[in-house]
């Protein structure tokens, strides 16, 4: 019998991307609720209960509601793509490359919280250096990022693409999260192993998909005053053997004159860069990814496959 997968919220941006990724799969039975019935809680509860894995592509409150529907239904495992459970101690954080044992944790988990797009890049850069003792956990971290507008869901897509929309946004690029209380900040702090809350400055560009996340650092403020090469070596060692996360060789980083946030669009890959000049004392750590790939739907499918593999074993 094929594993049953139910995408609760399959008609939203993330849900549609997951649905497209699973369309050609013949090893799964993908359950689908009619769009007209997407708010029918009795039908949703029935589909949730039938699924081997339910993938929640919902706003935070609706995701909490769905999780409550499954409270005690141990036959259904859950991947939540919302922000609701990303720092909850009962949920396994679904960033498989975060540390060596994380894939096994995801494979054996009943509840998995899919990472946010921005935190995927930030945690990928920060956590290995904190864990290696290079980056002090109390360092005053700043995270600067730009995302394609699909990260804001259907409402922002309409605002960016439809000139007749009452909330139309004509700007080529805009900064938001100006209060410094973006909902991804707690996730960055917890999973980045940070003592202090990072200053996070997100922005959106007039491109549909793609993302760049930057973490600038002073080498003199790191433990042992490492060189640019030392930091790069630590990231390279952490992600050695990984197929999805790649640390770009230092010589290639030195050759680059610019970085295109859309380079990895349509893929589930993530590239990490270490920019700077050796001996200068400053570096800029950069993550490049598709905000709907490794930053959302691609990560959800990766977690689903790990959970299914764990079941088979």
Protein backbone atom coordinates (compact mmCIF):
# COMPACT_ATOMS: atom_id res chain seq x y z
CA UNK A 1 0.00 0.00 0.00
CA UNK A 2 1.36 3.40 -0.98
CA UNK A 3 1.94 6.02 1.74
CA UNK A 4 -0.90 8.53 1.87
CA UNK A 5 0.14 12.21 1.78
CA UNK A 6 -2.33 15.01 2.46
CA UNK A 7 -1.39 18.65 1.80
CA UNK A 8 -3.65 20.76 4.00
CA UNK A 9 -3.59 24.07 2.15
CA UNK A 10 -2.54 22.73 -1.23
CA UNK A 11 -4.03 25.73 -3.04
CA UNK A 12 -1.65 28.25 -1.43
CA UNK A 13 1.78 29.18 -2.76
CA UNK A 14 3.77 26.62 -0.75
CA UNK A 15 1.10 23.92 -1.11
CA UNK A 16 0.98 24.30 -4.89
CA UNK A 17 4.75 23.99 -5.11
CA UNK A 18 4.69 20.80 -3.03
CA UNK A 19 1.82 19.43 -5.09
CA UNK A 20 3.81 20.08 -8.29
CA UNK A 21 6.85 18.32 -6.85
CA UNK A 22 4.76 15.25 -6.02
CA UNK A 23 2.75 15.18 -9.27
CA UNK A 24 5.04 12.74 -11.04
CA UNK A 25 5.65 10.50 -8.01
CA UNK A 26 4.27 6.99 -8.39
CA UNK A 27 5.38 5.87 -4.94
CA UNK A 28 2.80 8.03 -3.13
CA UNK A 29 -0.97 8.32 -2.83
CA UNK A 30 -1.57 12.07 -2.66
CA UNK A 31 -4.95 12.88 -1.12
CA UNK A 32 -6.60 16.05 -2.39
CA UNK A 33 -9.46 18.03 -0.93
CA UNK A 34 -11.55 20.09 -3.40
CA UNK A 35 -10.74 23.80 -3.22
CA UNK A 36 -14.38 24.61 -2.48
CA UNK A 37 -14.17 22.43 0.64
CA UNK A 38 -10.85 23.74 1.94
CA UNK A 39 -12.62 25.39 4.91
CA UNK A 40 -14.76 22.34 5.67
CA UNK A 41 -13.20 21.31 8.98
CA UNK A 42 -15.02 17.99 9.16
CA UNK A 43 -13.66 16.99 5.74
CA UNK A 44 -10.20 18.31 6.62
CA UNK A 45 -10.17 16.30 9.85
CA UNK A 46 -11.15 13.18 7.89
CA UNK A 47 -8.34 13.68 5.37
CA UNK A 48 -5.84 14.50 8.11
CA UNK A 49 -6.75 11.31 9.95
CA UNK A 50 -6.40 9.16 6.81
CA UNK A 51 -2.95 10.44 5.92
CA UNK A 52 0.32 8.77 6.82
CA UNK A 53 1.93 12.21 6.54
CA UNK A 54 0.01 15.49 6.60
CA UNK A 55 1.83 18.56 5.29
CA UNK A 56 0.34 21.75 6.71
CA UNK A 57 0.61 24.73 4.35
CA UNK A 58 -1.51 27.09 6.40
CA UNK A 59 -1.37 30.35 8.36
CA UNK A 60 -0.10 29.92 11.92
CA UNK A 61 -3.49 29.78 13.67
CA UNK A 62 -4.91 27.33 11.13
CA UNK A 63 -1.79 25.15 11.48
CA UNK A 64 -2.25 25.05 15.25
CA UNK A 65 -5.89 24.09 14.71
CA UNK A 66 -4.89 21.28 12.34
CA UNK A 67 -2.32 20.01 14.82
CA UNK A 68 -4.99 19.98 17.53
CA UNK A 69 -7.26 17.95 15.23
CA UNK A 70 -4.48 15.35 15.14
CA UNK A 71 -3.75 15.42 18.85
CA UNK A 72 -3.66 11.77 19.86
CA UNK A 73 -3.89 10.50 16.26
CA UNK A 74 -0.49 8.85 16.31
CA UNK A 75 -1.01 7.17 12.93
CA UNK A 76 -0.62 10.54 11.17
CA UNK A 77 2.77 12.24 11.11
CA UNK A 78 2.91 15.97 10.48
CA UNK A 79 5.12 18.46 8.66
CA UNK A 80 4.13 22.04 9.47
CA UNK A 81 5.40 24.71 7.04
CA UNK A 82 4.05 27.61 9.12
CA UNK A 83 5.87 29.53 11.85
CA UNK A 84 3.64 28.05 14.57
CA UNK A 85 5.85 25.22 15.87
CA UNK A 86 9.41 26.05 14.81
CA UNK A 87 10.69 26.67 18.32
CA UNK A 88 8.32 24.24 20.09
CA UNK A 89 10.25 21.60 22.08
CA UNK A 90 7.91 18.79 20.97
CA UNK A 91 8.57 19.43 17.28
CA UNK A 92 11.75 18.43 15.45
CA UNK A 93 13.24 21.25 13.41
CA UNK A 94 13.23 20.18 9.78
CA UNK A 95 16.62 21.45 8.64
CA UNK A 96 18.27 18.16 7.76
CA UNK A 97 21.80 19.54 7.32
CA UNK A 98 21.79 21.59 10.54
CA UNK A 99 23.85 18.97 12.38
CA UNK A 100 24.93 15.37 11.92
CA UNK A 101 22.04 13.73 13.79
CA UNK A 102 19.27 15.93 12.40
CA UNK A 103 18.35 13.66 9.49
CA UNK A 104 17.82 10.76 11.91
CA UNK A 105 15.73 12.96 14.20
CA UNK A 106 13.52 13.97 11.29
CA UNK A 107 13.27 10.39 10.04
CA UNK A 108 11.99 9.19 13.42
CA UNK A 109 9.78 12.14 14.29
CA UNK A 110 5.99 12.34 14.30
CA UNK A 111 6.02 16.16 14.38
CA UNK A 112 8.37 18.13 12.12
CA UNK A 113 8.47 21.93 11.82
CA UNK A 114 9.67 23.04 8.40
CA UNK A 115 12.15 25.95 8.65
CA UNK A 116 11.39 29.42 7.41
CA UNK A 117 13.07 30.66 4.25
CA UNK A 118 15.15 33.42 5.87
CA UNK A 119 16.16 31.30 8.89
CA UNK A 120 17.26 28.46 6.60
CA UNK A 121 19.99 30.72 5.26
CA UNK A 122 20.80 32.41 8.56
CA UNK A 123 20.95 29.23 10.66
CA UNK A 124 22.99 27.49 7.94
CA UNK A 125 25.66 30.19 8.30
CA UNK A 126 25.55 30.84 12.04
CA UNK A 127 24.97 27.55 13.83
CA UNK A 128 28.03 25.59 12.55
CA UNK A 129 30.33 28.42 13.67
CA UNK A 130 28.75 28.66 17.12
CA UNK A 131 28.89 24.87 17.50
CA UNK A 132 32.56 24.86 16.45
CA UNK A 133 33.41 27.49 19.07
CA UNK A 134 34.41 30.08 16.47
CA UNK A 135 31.42 32.43 16.72
CA UNK A 136 30.61 33.52 20.28
CA UNK A 137 26.99 32.78 21.15
CA UNK A 138 26.65 36.34 22.48
CA UNK A 139 27.99 38.02 19.31
CA UNK A 140 25.72 40.92 18.21
CA UNK A 141 24.49 39.22 15.05
CA UNK A 142 22.87 41.15 12.20
CA UNK A 143 21.06 39.41 9.35
CA UNK A 144 20.23 41.26 6.14
CA UNK A 145 18.19 39.57 3.44
CA UNK A 146 16.24 40.02 0.23
CA UNK A 147 13.55 37.64 -1.00
CA UNK A 148 11.41 37.20 -4.07
CA UNK A 149 7.85 38.37 -3.51
CA UNK A 150 6.32 34.88 -3.62
CA UNK A 151 7.49 34.53 -0.02
CA UNK A 152 4.60 36.78 0.97
CA UNK A 153 1.97 34.40 -0.43
CA UNK A 154 -0.96 35.11 -2.72
CA UNK A 155 -1.75 38.52 -1.24
CA UNK A 156 1.72 39.96 -1.85
CA UNK A 157 1.92 38.29 -5.27
CA UNK A 158 -1.30 40.07 -6.25
CA UNK A 159 -0.02 43.38 -4.86
CA UNK A 160 3.20 43.10 -6.85
CA UNK A 161 1.77 41.79 -10.14
CA UNK A 162 -1.69 43.39 -10.45
CA UNK A 163 -1.58 47.13 -11.08
CA UNK A 164 -5.34 47.34 -10.43
CA UNK A 165 -5.00 45.80 -6.97
CA UNK A 166 -5.99 48.40 -4.30
CA UNK A 167 -2.78 47.62 -2.44
CA UNK A 168 -0.56 47.57 -5.53
CA UNK A 169 3.15 47.92 -4.78
CA UNK A 170 5.08 49.66 -7.55
CA UNK A 171 8.44 49.78 -5.75
CA UNK A 172 11.31 47.81 -7.35
CA UNK A 173 12.54 46.90 -3.87
CA UNK A 174 11.25 47.57 -0.36
CA UNK A 175 12.32 47.08 3.23
CA UNK A 176 9.88 45.75 5.81
CA UNK A 177 9.89 44.32 9.35
CA UNK A 178 10.89 47.80 10.45
CA UNK A 179 10.00 47.19 14.12
CA UNK A 180 12.70 44.47 14.21
CA UNK A 181 10.12 41.95 15.44
CA UNK A 182 9.79 39.76 12.34
CA UNK A 183 8.25 36.38 13.14
CA UNK A 184 11.39 34.54 11.97
CA UNK A 185 13.64 36.14 14.60
CA UNK A 186 12.90 33.66 17.45
CA UNK A 187 13.70 30.78 15.10
CA UNK A 188 17.04 32.32 14.14
CA UNK A 189 17.93 32.85 17.80
CA UNK A 190 16.96 29.37 19.04
CA UNK A 191 18.34 27.29 16.18
CA UNK A 192 21.32 29.59 15.65
CA UNK A 193 22.30 28.81 19.28
CA UNK A 194 22.41 32.55 20.02
CA UNK A 195 22.13 34.17 23.42
CA UNK A 196 21.15 37.59 22.06
CA UNK A 197 18.30 38.36 19.70
CA UNK A 198 19.72 39.07 16.22
CA UNK A 199 18.89 42.28 14.38
CA UNK A 200 17.08 41.10 11.25
CA UNK A 201 16.44 43.40 8.29
CA UNK A 202 14.34 41.67 5.58
CA UNK A 203 13.43 43.12 2.19
CA UNK A 204 11.58 42.13 -0.97
CA UNK A 205 12.67 42.64 -4.58
CA UNK A 206 10.64 42.77 -7.77
CA UNK A 207 11.42 39.18 -8.71
CA UNK A 208 9.15 36.22 -8.01
CA UNK A 209 11.55 33.70 -6.48
CA UNK A 210 15.05 33.66 -5.06
CA UNK A 211 16.77 34.78 -1.88
CA UNK A 212 20.04 36.13 -0.50
CA UNK A 213 20.74 36.08 3.27
CA UNK A 214 23.81 37.94 4.62
CA UNK A 215 25.57 37.74 8.01
CA UNK A 216 28.51 40.20 8.26
CA UNK A 217 31.13 39.57 10.96
CA UNK A 218 34.30 41.12 12.40
CA UNK A 219 36.95 38.42 12.60
CA UNK A 220 38.67 40.14 15.54
CA UNK A 221 35.51 39.63 17.62
CA UNK A 222 35.41 35.89 16.96
CA UNK A 223 37.07 33.34 19.23
CA UNK A 224 40.75 33.01 18.40
CA UNK A 225 40.58 35.79 15.77
CA UNK A 226 40.29 33.30 12.88
CA UNK A 227 41.18 34.11 9.31
CA UNK A 228 38.70 34.24 6.45
CA UNK A 229 40.04 30.84 5.41
CA UNK A 230 39.49 29.40 8.89
CA UNK A 231 35.81 30.37 8.83
CA UNK A 232 35.39 28.95 5.34
CA UNK A 233 37.11 25.72 6.41
CA UNK A 234 34.74 25.33 9.37
CA UNK A 235 31.66 25.67 7.15
CA UNK A 236 33.17 23.32 4.56
CA UNK A 237 33.86 20.67 7.20
CA UNK A 238 30.33 20.97 8.61
CA UNK A 239 28.63 20.44 5.24
CA UNK A 240 31.08 17.89 3.82
CA UNK A 241 29.25 15.16 1.93
CA UNK A 242 25.93 17.03 1.77
CA UNK A 243 24.13 16.93 -1.56
CA UNK A 244 21.78 19.90 -1.09
CA UNK A 245 23.91 22.43 0.80
CA UNK A 246 27.14 23.46 -0.92
CA UNK A 247 29.92 25.65 0.46
CA UNK A 248 31.35 27.43 -2.57
CA UNK A 249 35.17 27.13 -2.76
CA UNK A 250 36.99 30.19 -1.48
CA UNK A 251 38.76 30.80 -4.78
CA UNK A 252 35.38 30.98 -6.54
CA UNK A 253 34.09 33.41 -3.93
CA UNK A 254 37.09 35.67 -4.63
CA UNK A 255 36.35 35.69 -8.37
CA UNK A 256 32.70 36.76 -8.08
CA UNK A 257 31.81 40.38 -8.84
CA UNK A 258 28.09 40.05 -8.12
CA UNK A 259 25.54 37.54 -6.86
CA UNK A 260 22.15 36.94 -8.47
CA UNK A 261 19.37 36.04 -5.96
CA UNK A 262 17.52 34.10 -8.66
CA UNK A 263 20.42 31.80 -9.62
CA UNK A 264 19.02 28.73 -7.83
CA UNK A 265 15.38 29.26 -8.78
CA UNK A 266 13.55 26.04 -9.51
CA UNK A 267 16.02 23.99 -7.48
CA UNK A 268 16.11 22.76 -3.88
CA UNK A 269 19.80 23.62 -3.48
CA UNK A 270 21.48 26.16 -1.22
CA UNK A 271 24.93 27.69 -1.73
CA UNK A 272 26.98 29.26 1.07
CA UNK A 273 29.66 31.88 0.40
CA UNK A 274 32.40 33.53 2.47
CA UNK A 275 33.23 36.96 1.05
CA UNK A 276 35.97 39.34 2.09
CA UNK A 277 39.66 40.06 1.71
CA UNK A 278 42.19 37.96 3.65
CA UNK A 279 43.81 40.06 6.36
CA UNK A 280 41.13 42.76 6.19
CA UNK A 281 39.39 41.63 9.40
CA UNK A 282 35.85 41.62 7.99
CA UNK A 283 33.81 38.91 6.30
CA UNK A 284 30.33 38.59 4.88
CA UNK A 285 28.71 35.17 5.08
CA UNK A 286 26.05 34.70 2.41
CA UNK A 287 23.42 32.06 1.70
CA UNK A 288 21.78 31.78 -1.72
CA UNK A 289 18.59 29.74 -2.18
CA UNK A 290 15.16 29.64 -3.79
CA UNK A 291 12.74 30.87 -1.14
CA UNK A 292 10.17 28.35 -2.41
CA UNK A 293 12.76 25.57 -2.82
CA UNK A 294 15.10 24.83 0.08
CA UNK A 295 13.34 27.75 1.78
CA UNK A 296 9.89 26.11 1.79
CA UNK A 297 8.41 23.42 -0.46
CA UNK A 298 11.67 21.70 -1.36
CA UNK A 299 12.57 21.34 2.32
CA UNK A 300 9.09 19.95 3.08
CA UNK A 301 9.46 17.26 0.43
CA UNK A 302 12.98 16.48 1.67
CA UNK A 303 11.60 16.04 5.20
CA UNK A 304 8.73 13.91 3.92
CA UNK A 305 11.16 11.58 2.16
CA UNK A 306 13.31 11.28 5.29
CA UNK A 307 10.22 10.42 7.36
CA UNK A 308 9.07 7.83 4.83
CA UNK A 309 12.55 6.30 4.73
CA UNK A 310 12.50 6.14 8.52
CA UNK A 311 9.17 4.31 8.42
CA UNK A 312 10.48 1.73 5.96
CA UNK A 313 13.45 1.03 8.22
